[in-house]
Amino acid sequence: MENFLYNDGGRSAFGSRNKNDCAVRAMSVACNLGYAEARKRIQSAARSGKAGNGALSGGVYREDFQVALEAVGWAWQKAPSFVGRKAKHYDMPKGWVIVRMATHFAAVYSGEIHDVSDCSHKMVYGYWIKN
């Protein structure tokens, strides 16, 4: 299995040029939503959440992203603990999860990152999984 598979979550088809759209891409891919639908849901959560304005050009607050994911039945889990090392994408449960890394969110399917760049070197703080 590869560590990484290129997947823009429909960003190019949508016509977006936003490079800070990792939350939208991750939600689109892992939740099987179109890019526009994932963007709309996150914007709605950001509008009434920490961001307060719904703007996604500078990225998404974890708290706002969590609200959007909970609305589609996903729940937060702490990353597993290991002696002598940090959790990585390959330590996540089988199936689709969305991982939170330093300044990044990514969709992961059974240990394989689905994103626009290889972030496999980053540690995982926690993840969302479908209830």
N, C-alpha and C. Protein backbone atom coordinates (compact mmCIF):
# COMPACT_ATOMS: atom_id res chain seq x y z
N MET A 1 0.84 -1.19 0.00
CA MET A 1 0.00 0.00 0.00
C MET A 1 0.88 1.25 0.00
N GLU A 2 0.47 2.21 -0.75
CA GLU A 2 1.15 3.49 -0.78
C GLU A 2 0.78 4.29 0.47
N ASN A 3 1.59 5.29 0.80
CA ASN A 3 1.27 6.21 1.89
C ASN A 3 0.30 7.29 1.43
N PHE A 4 0.29 7.55 0.12
CA PHE A 4 -0.39 8.73 -0.39
C PHE A 4 -1.00 8.48 -1.77
N LEU A 5 -2.22 8.96 -1.95
CA LEU A 5 -2.89 8.91 -3.24
C LEU A 5 -3.41 10.32 -3.53
N TYR A 6 -3.07 10.88 -4.69
CA TYR A 6 -3.53 12.22 -5.04
C TYR A 6 -5.04 12.24 -5.18
N ASN A 7 -5.69 13.17 -4.47
CA ASN A 7 -7.14 13.33 -4.55
C ASN A 7 -7.47 14.76 -4.12
N ASP A 8 -7.99 15.57 -5.03
CA ASP A 8 -8.31 16.96 -4.68
C ASP A 8 -9.75 17.14 -4.21
N GLY A 9 -10.48 16.06 -4.06
CA GLY A 9 -11.85 16.13 -3.53
C GLY A 9 -12.83 16.85 -4.43
N GLY A 10 -12.47 17.08 -5.67
CA GLY A 10 -13.34 17.80 -6.60
C GLY A 10 -13.03 19.28 -6.72
N ARG A 11 -11.93 19.72 -6.11
CA ARG A 11 -11.57 21.14 -6.15
C ARG A 11 -11.38 21.65 -7.58
N SER A 12 -10.67 20.92 -8.41
CA SER A 12 -10.40 21.40 -9.78
C SER A 12 -11.69 21.47 -10.59
N ALA A 13 -12.59 20.50 -10.43
CA ALA A 13 -13.87 20.52 -11.14
C ALA A 13 -14.74 21.68 -10.66
N PHE A 14 -14.63 22.02 -9.39
CA PHE A 14 -15.39 23.13 -8.81
C PHE A 14 -14.83 24.47 -9.30
N GLY A 15 -13.55 24.47 -9.63
CA GLY A 15 -12.92 25.70 -10.11
C GLY A 15 -12.27 26.53 -9.02
N SER A 16 -12.08 25.95 -7.85
CA SER A 16 -11.47 26.69 -6.75
C SER A 16 -9.97 26.78 -6.92
N ARG A 17 -9.41 27.90 -6.51
CA ARG A 17 -7.96 28.09 -6.50
C ARG A 17 -7.45 28.26 -5.08
N ASN A 18 -8.32 28.08 -4.10
CA ASN A 18 -7.96 28.25 -2.69
C ASN A 18 -6.99 27.14 -2.28
N LYS A 19 -5.82 27.51 -1.86
CA LYS A 19 -4.82 26.53 -1.43
C LYS A 19 -4.98 26.15 0.05
N ASN A 20 -5.84 26.87 0.77
CA ASN A 20 -6.08 26.59 2.19
C ASN A 20 -7.40 25.85 2.38
N ASP A 21 -7.68 24.89 1.51
CA ASP A 21 -8.97 24.22 1.53
C ASP A 21 -8.88 22.77 2.00
N CYS A 22 -7.89 22.45 2.83
CA CYS A 22 -7.70 21.05 3.23
C CYS A 22 -8.93 20.49 3.96
N ALA A 23 -9.63 21.30 4.75
CA ALA A 23 -10.82 20.82 5.44
C ALA A 23 -11.92 20.46 4.44
N VAL A 24 -12.11 21.30 3.44
CA VAL A 24 -13.13 21.05 2.43
C VAL A 24 -12.79 19.78 1.65
N ARG A 25 -11.53 19.65 1.23
CA ARG A 25 -11.11 18.46 0.49
C ARG A 25 -11.29 17.20 1.33
N ALA A 26 -10.84 17.24 2.59
CA ALA A 26 -10.93 16.07 3.46
C ALA A 26 -12.38 15.66 3.68
N MET A 27 -13.25 16.63 3.92
CA MET A 27 -14.67 16.31 4.15
C MET A 27 -15.31 15.78 2.88
N SER A 28 -14.99 16.38 1.74
CA SER A 28 -15.53 15.93 0.47
C SER A 28 -15.16 14.48 0.20
N VAL A 29 -13.89 14.15 0.39
CA VAL A 29 -13.39 12.81 0.10
C VAL A 29 -13.93 11.79 1.11
N ALA A 30 -13.70 12.01 2.38
CA ALA A 30 -14.03 11.00 3.40
C ALA A 30 -15.53 10.85 3.62
N CYS A 31 -16.28 11.94 3.49
CA CYS A 31 -17.73 11.88 3.73
C CYS A 31 -18.52 11.61 2.45
N ASN A 32 -17.81 11.48 1.32
CA ASN A 32 -18.44 11.22 0.03
C ASN A 32 -19.45 12.31 -0.33
N LEU A 33 -19.02 13.56 -0.12
CA LEU A 33 -19.83 14.72 -0.48
C LEU A 33 -19.15 15.42 -1.66
N GLY A 34 -19.90 16.11 -2.45
CA GLY A 34 -19.28 16.93 -3.48
C GLY A 34 -18.51 18.07 -2.83
N TYR A 35 -17.54 18.60 -3.55
CA TYR A 35 -16.72 19.70 -3.03
C TYR A 35 -17.60 20.89 -2.63
N ALA A 36 -18.56 21.25 -3.48
CA ALA A 36 -19.43 22.40 -3.20
C ALA A 36 -20.26 22.16 -1.93
N GLU A 37 -20.76 20.95 -1.75
CA GLU A 37 -21.57 20.63 -0.56
C GLU A 37 -20.72 20.68 0.70
N ALA A 38 -19.52 20.11 0.65
CA ALA A 38 -18.63 20.16 1.82
C ALA A 38 -18.27 21.60 2.15
N ARG A 39 -17.99 22.39 1.13
CA ARG A 39 -17.65 23.81 1.33
C ARG A 39 -18.81 24.57 1.97
N LYS A 40 -20.01 24.31 1.49
CA LYS A 40 -21.20 24.98 2.03
C LYS A 40 -21.40 24.63 3.50
N ARG A 41 -21.24 23.37 3.85
CA ARG A 41 -21.43 22.93 5.24
C ARG A 41 -20.38 23.54 6.18
N ILE A 42 -19.15 23.60 5.72
CA ILE A 42 -18.08 24.18 6.55
C ILE A 42 -18.27 25.69 6.67
N GLN A 43 -18.65 26.36 5.58
CA GLN A 43 -18.92 27.80 5.63
C GLN A 43 -20.04 28.11 6.62
N SER A 44 -21.07 27.30 6.61
CA SER A 44 -22.19 27.50 7.53
C SER A 44 -21.73 27.37 8.98
N ALA A 45 -20.93 26.35 9.26
CA ALA A 45 -20.41 26.16 10.62
C ALA A 45 -19.48 27.31 11.01
N ALA A 46 -18.67 27.78 10.07
CA ALA A 46 -17.74 28.87 10.35
C ALA A 46 -18.48 30.20 10.56
N ARG A 47 -19.57 30.38 9.86
CA ARG A 47 -20.35 31.62 9.98
C ARG A 47 -20.92 31.79 11.38
N SER A 48 -21.36 30.69 11.97
CA SER A 48 -21.95 30.76 13.31
C SER A 48 -20.98 30.29 14.39
N GLY A 49 -19.74 30.02 14.02
CA GLY A 49 -18.77 29.48 14.97
C GLY A 49 -17.65 30.45 15.29
N LYS A 50 -16.47 29.89 15.50
CA LYS A 50 -15.30 30.66 15.92
C LYS A 50 -14.88 31.68 14.88
N ALA A 51 -14.93 31.31 13.59
CA ALA A 51 -14.53 32.25 12.54
C ALA A 51 -15.47 33.44 12.49
N GLY A 52 -16.76 33.17 12.66
CA GLY A 52 -17.74 34.24 12.72
C GLY A 52 -18.13 34.88 11.40
N ASN A 53 -17.46 34.51 10.31
CA ASN A 53 -17.79 35.16 9.05
C ASN A 53 -17.96 34.20 7.88
N GLY A 54 -17.62 32.95 8.06
CA GLY A 54 -17.78 31.96 7.01
C GLY A 54 -16.70 31.98 5.96
N ALA A 55 -15.72 32.88 6.09
CA ALA A 55 -14.63 32.94 5.11
C ALA A 55 -13.71 31.74 5.29
N LEU A 56 -13.37 31.07 4.19
CA LEU A 56 -12.52 29.88 4.26
C LEU A 56 -11.15 30.12 3.63
N SER A 57 -10.90 31.31 3.13
CA SER A 57 -9.65 31.56 2.40
C SER A 57 -8.41 31.44 3.27
N GLY A 58 -8.54 31.64 4.57
CA GLY A 58 -7.39 31.53 5.46
C GLY A 58 -7.33 30.22 6.19
N GLY A 59 -8.17 29.28 5.82
CA GLY A 59 -8.22 27.99 6.52
C GLY A 59 -9.45 27.90 7.41
N VAL A 60 -9.55 26.81 8.16
CA VAL A 60 -10.73 26.53 8.98
C VAL A 60 -10.29 26.21 10.41
N TYR A 61 -10.98 26.80 11.37
CA TYR A 61 -10.73 26.46 12.77
C TYR A 61 -11.19 25.04 13.04
N ARG A 62 -10.45 24.32 13.86
CA ARG A 62 -10.80 22.95 14.22
C ARG A 62 -12.21 22.89 14.81
N GLU A 63 -12.56 23.86 15.64
CA GLU A 63 -13.87 23.87 16.29
C GLU A 63 -15.00 23.99 15.27
N ASP A 64 -14.81 24.82 14.26
CA ASP A 64 -15.83 24.98 13.22
C ASP A 64 -15.92 23.73 12.35
N PHE A 65 -14.77 23.14 12.05
CA PHE A 65 -14.75 21.90 11.26
C PHE A 65 -15.46 20.79 12.02
N GLN A 66 -15.25 20.73 13.32
CA GLN A 66 -15.89 19.69 14.13
C GLN A 66 -17.42 19.82 14.08
N VAL A 67 -17.93 21.03 14.14
CA VAL A 67 -19.37 21.25 14.06
C VAL A 67 -19.91 20.73 12.73
N ALA A 68 -19.21 21.03 11.65
CA ALA A 68 -19.63 20.57 10.32
C ALA A 68 -19.61 19.05 10.23
N LEU A 69 -18.59 18.42 10.78
CA LEU A 69 -18.49 16.97 10.73
C LEU A 69 -19.52 16.29 11.64
N GLU A 70 -19.76 16.85 12.80
CA GLU A 70 -20.78 16.27 13.70
C GLU A 70 -22.15 16.31 13.05
N ALA A 71 -22.41 17.33 12.24
CA ALA A 71 -23.70 17.46 11.58
C ALA A 71 -23.95 16.34 10.57
N VAL A 72 -22.88 15.70 10.09
CA VAL A 72 -23.04 14.58 9.16
C VAL A 72 -22.70 13.24 9.84
N GLY A 73 -22.68 13.24 11.19
CA GLY A 73 -22.55 11.99 11.94
C GLY A 73 -21.14 11.52 12.23
N TRP A 74 -20.17 12.42 12.24
CA TRP A 74 -18.79 12.04 12.54
C TRP A 74 -18.44 12.48 13.96
N ALA A 75 -17.58 11.70 14.63
CA ALA A 75 -17.20 11.98 16.02
C ALA A 75 -15.68 12.04 16.17
N TRP A 76 -15.23 12.89 17.07
CA TRP A 76 -13.81 13.10 17.34
C TRP A 76 -13.25 11.99 18.24
N GLN A 77 -12.04 11.56 17.92
CA GLN A 77 -11.33 10.57 18.72
C GLN A 77 -9.89 11.05 18.92
N LYS A 78 -9.35 10.84 20.11
CA LYS A 78 -7.95 11.15 20.34
C LYS A 78 -7.10 10.14 19.58
N ALA A 79 -5.92 10.57 19.17
CA ALA A 79 -5.00 9.68 18.49
C ALA A 79 -4.53 8.60 19.46
N PRO A 80 -4.27 7.40 18.96
CA PRO A 80 -3.74 6.35 19.84
C PRO A 80 -2.37 6.74 20.39
N SER A 81 -2.04 6.21 21.56
CA SER A 81 -0.75 6.49 22.20
C SER A 81 0.21 5.34 21.99
N PHE A 82 1.46 5.70 21.79
CA PHE A 82 2.52 4.71 21.61
C PHE A 82 3.72 5.10 22.44
N VAL A 83 4.45 4.15 22.92
CA VAL A 83 5.67 4.42 23.66
C VAL A 83 6.78 4.72 22.66
N GLY A 84 7.40 5.87 22.81
CA GLY A 84 8.56 6.21 21.99
C GLY A 84 8.28 6.82 20.64
N ARG A 85 7.00 7.01 20.28
CA ARG A 85 6.71 7.65 18.99
C ARG A 85 5.32 8.27 19.01
N LYS A 86 5.09 9.12 18.06
CA LYS A 86 3.80 9.79 17.89
C LYS A 86 2.92 8.99 16.93
N ALA A 87 1.61 9.19 17.00
CA ALA A 87 0.68 8.53 16.09
C ALA A 87 0.86 9.07 14.67
N LYS A 88 0.70 8.18 13.70
CA LYS A 88 0.81 8.53 12.30
C LYS A 88 -0.45 8.07 11.56
N HIS A 89 -0.57 8.45 10.30
CA HIS A 89 -1.75 8.12 9.51
C HIS A 89 -2.00 6.61 9.44
N TYR A 90 -0.96 5.81 9.42
CA TYR A 90 -1.13 4.35 9.31
C TYR A 90 -1.59 3.69 10.61
N ASP A 91 -1.66 4.45 11.69
CA ASP A 91 -2.15 3.94 12.97
C ASP A 91 -3.67 4.09 13.12
N MET A 92 -4.30 4.73 12.17
CA MET A 92 -5.74 5.00 12.27
C MET A 92 -6.55 3.74 11.97
N PRO A 93 -7.82 3.72 12.43
CA PRO A 93 -8.68 2.55 12.16
C PRO A 93 -8.90 2.34 10.66
N LYS A 94 -9.29 1.15 10.30
CA LYS A 94 -9.61 0.83 8.91
C LYS A 94 -10.84 1.62 8.47
N GLY A 95 -10.95 1.86 7.20
CA GLY A 95 -12.06 2.64 6.66
C GLY A 95 -11.68 4.12 6.59
N TRP A 96 -12.67 4.96 6.35
CA TRP A 96 -12.43 6.40 6.21
C TRP A 96 -12.35 7.09 7.56
N VAL A 97 -11.34 7.93 7.72
CA VAL A 97 -11.22 8.86 8.84
C VAL A 97 -10.69 10.17 8.30
N ILE A 98 -10.87 11.23 9.07
CA ILE A 98 -10.26 12.52 8.75
C ILE A 98 -9.31 12.83 9.89
N VAL A 99 -8.03 13.00 9.57
CA VAL A 99 -7.03 13.23 10.60
C VAL A 99 -6.74 14.72 10.75
N ARG A 100 -6.41 15.08 11.99
CA ARG A 100 -5.94 16.44 12.28
C ARG A 100 -4.45 16.35 12.54
N MET A 101 -3.71 17.12 11.75
CA MET A 101 -2.25 17.21 11.87
C MET A 101 -1.90 18.67 12.13
N ALA A 102 -0.65 18.97 12.30
CA ALA A 102 -0.23 20.36 12.47
C ALA A 102 -0.64 21.17 11.25
N THR A 103 -1.48 22.16 11.45
CA THR A 103 -1.99 23.07 10.41
C THR A 103 -2.55 22.35 9.18
N HIS A 104 -3.14 21.18 9.38
CA HIS A 104 -3.64 20.43 8.23
C HIS A 104 -4.70 19.40 8.65
N PHE A 105 -5.65 19.17 7.74
CA PHE A 105 -6.62 18.07 7.84
C PHE A 105 -6.46 17.23 6.58
N ALA A 106 -6.62 15.91 6.72
CA ALA A 106 -6.51 15.04 5.55
C ALA A 106 -7.44 13.85 5.68
N ALA A 107 -7.94 13.38 4.55
CA ALA A 107 -8.74 12.16 4.50
C ALA A 107 -7.77 10.98 4.44
N VAL A 108 -8.09 9.94 5.21
CA VAL A 108 -7.26 8.73 5.23
C VAL A 108 -8.18 7.53 5.10
N TYR A 109 -7.85 6.65 4.18
CA TYR A 109 -8.61 5.42 4.02
C TYR A 109 -7.70 4.23 4.32
N SER A 110 -8.00 3.55 5.41
CA SER A 110 -7.25 2.36 5.81
C SER A 110 -5.73 2.56 5.72
N GLY A 111 -5.27 3.69 6.26
CA GLY A 111 -3.84 3.97 6.33
C GLY A 111 -3.26 4.71 5.14
N GLU A 112 -4.05 4.99 4.11
CA GLU A 112 -3.56 5.68 2.92
C GLU A 112 -4.15 7.10 2.87
N ILE A 113 -3.27 8.09 2.77
CA ILE A 113 -3.68 9.49 2.72
C ILE A 113 -4.21 9.82 1.33
N HIS A 114 -5.38 10.46 1.30
CA HIS A 114 -5.99 10.94 0.05
C HIS A 114 -5.98 12.46 0.12
N ASP A 115 -5.06 13.10 -0.59
CA ASP A 115 -4.86 14.54 -0.47
C ASP A 115 -4.13 15.04 -1.72
N VAL A 116 -3.83 16.34 -1.75
CA VAL A 116 -3.12 16.91 -2.90
C VAL A 116 -1.61 16.89 -2.73
N SER A 117 -1.13 16.60 -1.53
CA SER A 117 0.30 16.46 -1.31
C SER A 117 0.54 15.41 -0.22
N ASP A 118 1.72 14.87 -0.21
CA ASP A 118 2.06 13.81 0.73
C ASP A 118 2.40 14.41 2.10
N CYS A 119 1.51 14.24 3.05
CA CYS A 119 1.72 14.75 4.41
C CYS A 119 2.00 13.59 5.38
N SER A 120 2.47 12.48 4.86
CA SER A 120 2.68 11.28 5.68
C SER A 120 3.75 11.45 6.75
N HIS A 121 4.58 12.48 6.62
CA HIS A 121 5.62 12.73 7.62
C HIS A 121 5.06 13.38 8.89
N LYS A 122 3.84 13.91 8.83
CA LYS A 122 3.27 14.62 9.98
C LYS A 122 2.65 13.67 11.00
N MET A 123 2.74 14.05 12.27
CA MET A 123 2.08 13.28 13.32
C MET A 123 0.58 13.61 13.32
N VAL A 124 -0.20 12.71 13.87
CA VAL A 124 -1.66 12.87 13.95
C VAL A 124 -2.04 13.17 15.40
N TYR A 125 -2.78 14.27 15.60
CA TYR A 125 -3.25 14.66 16.93
C TYR A 125 -4.53 13.92 17.32
N GLY A 126 -5.34 13.63 16.33
CA GLY A 126 -6.61 12.98 16.55
C GLY A 126 -7.32 12.83 15.22
N TYR A 127 -8.53 12.26 15.27
CA TYR A 127 -9.23 12.02 14.02
C TYR A 127 -10.74 11.99 14.25
N TRP A 128 -11.46 12.18 13.16
CA TRP A 128 -12.91 12.03 13.16
C TRP A 128 -13.24 10.75 12.42
N ILE A 129 -14.27 10.06 12.91
CA ILE A 129 -14.70 8.82 12.29
C ILE A 129 -16.23 8.81 12.27
N LYS A 130 -16.80 8.19 11.26
CA LYS A 130 -18.27 8.10 11.14
C LYS A 130 -18.82 7.25 12.28
N ASN A 131 -19.84 7.80 12.95
CA ASN A 131 -20.50 7.05 14.05
C ASN A 131 -21.25 5.85 13.52
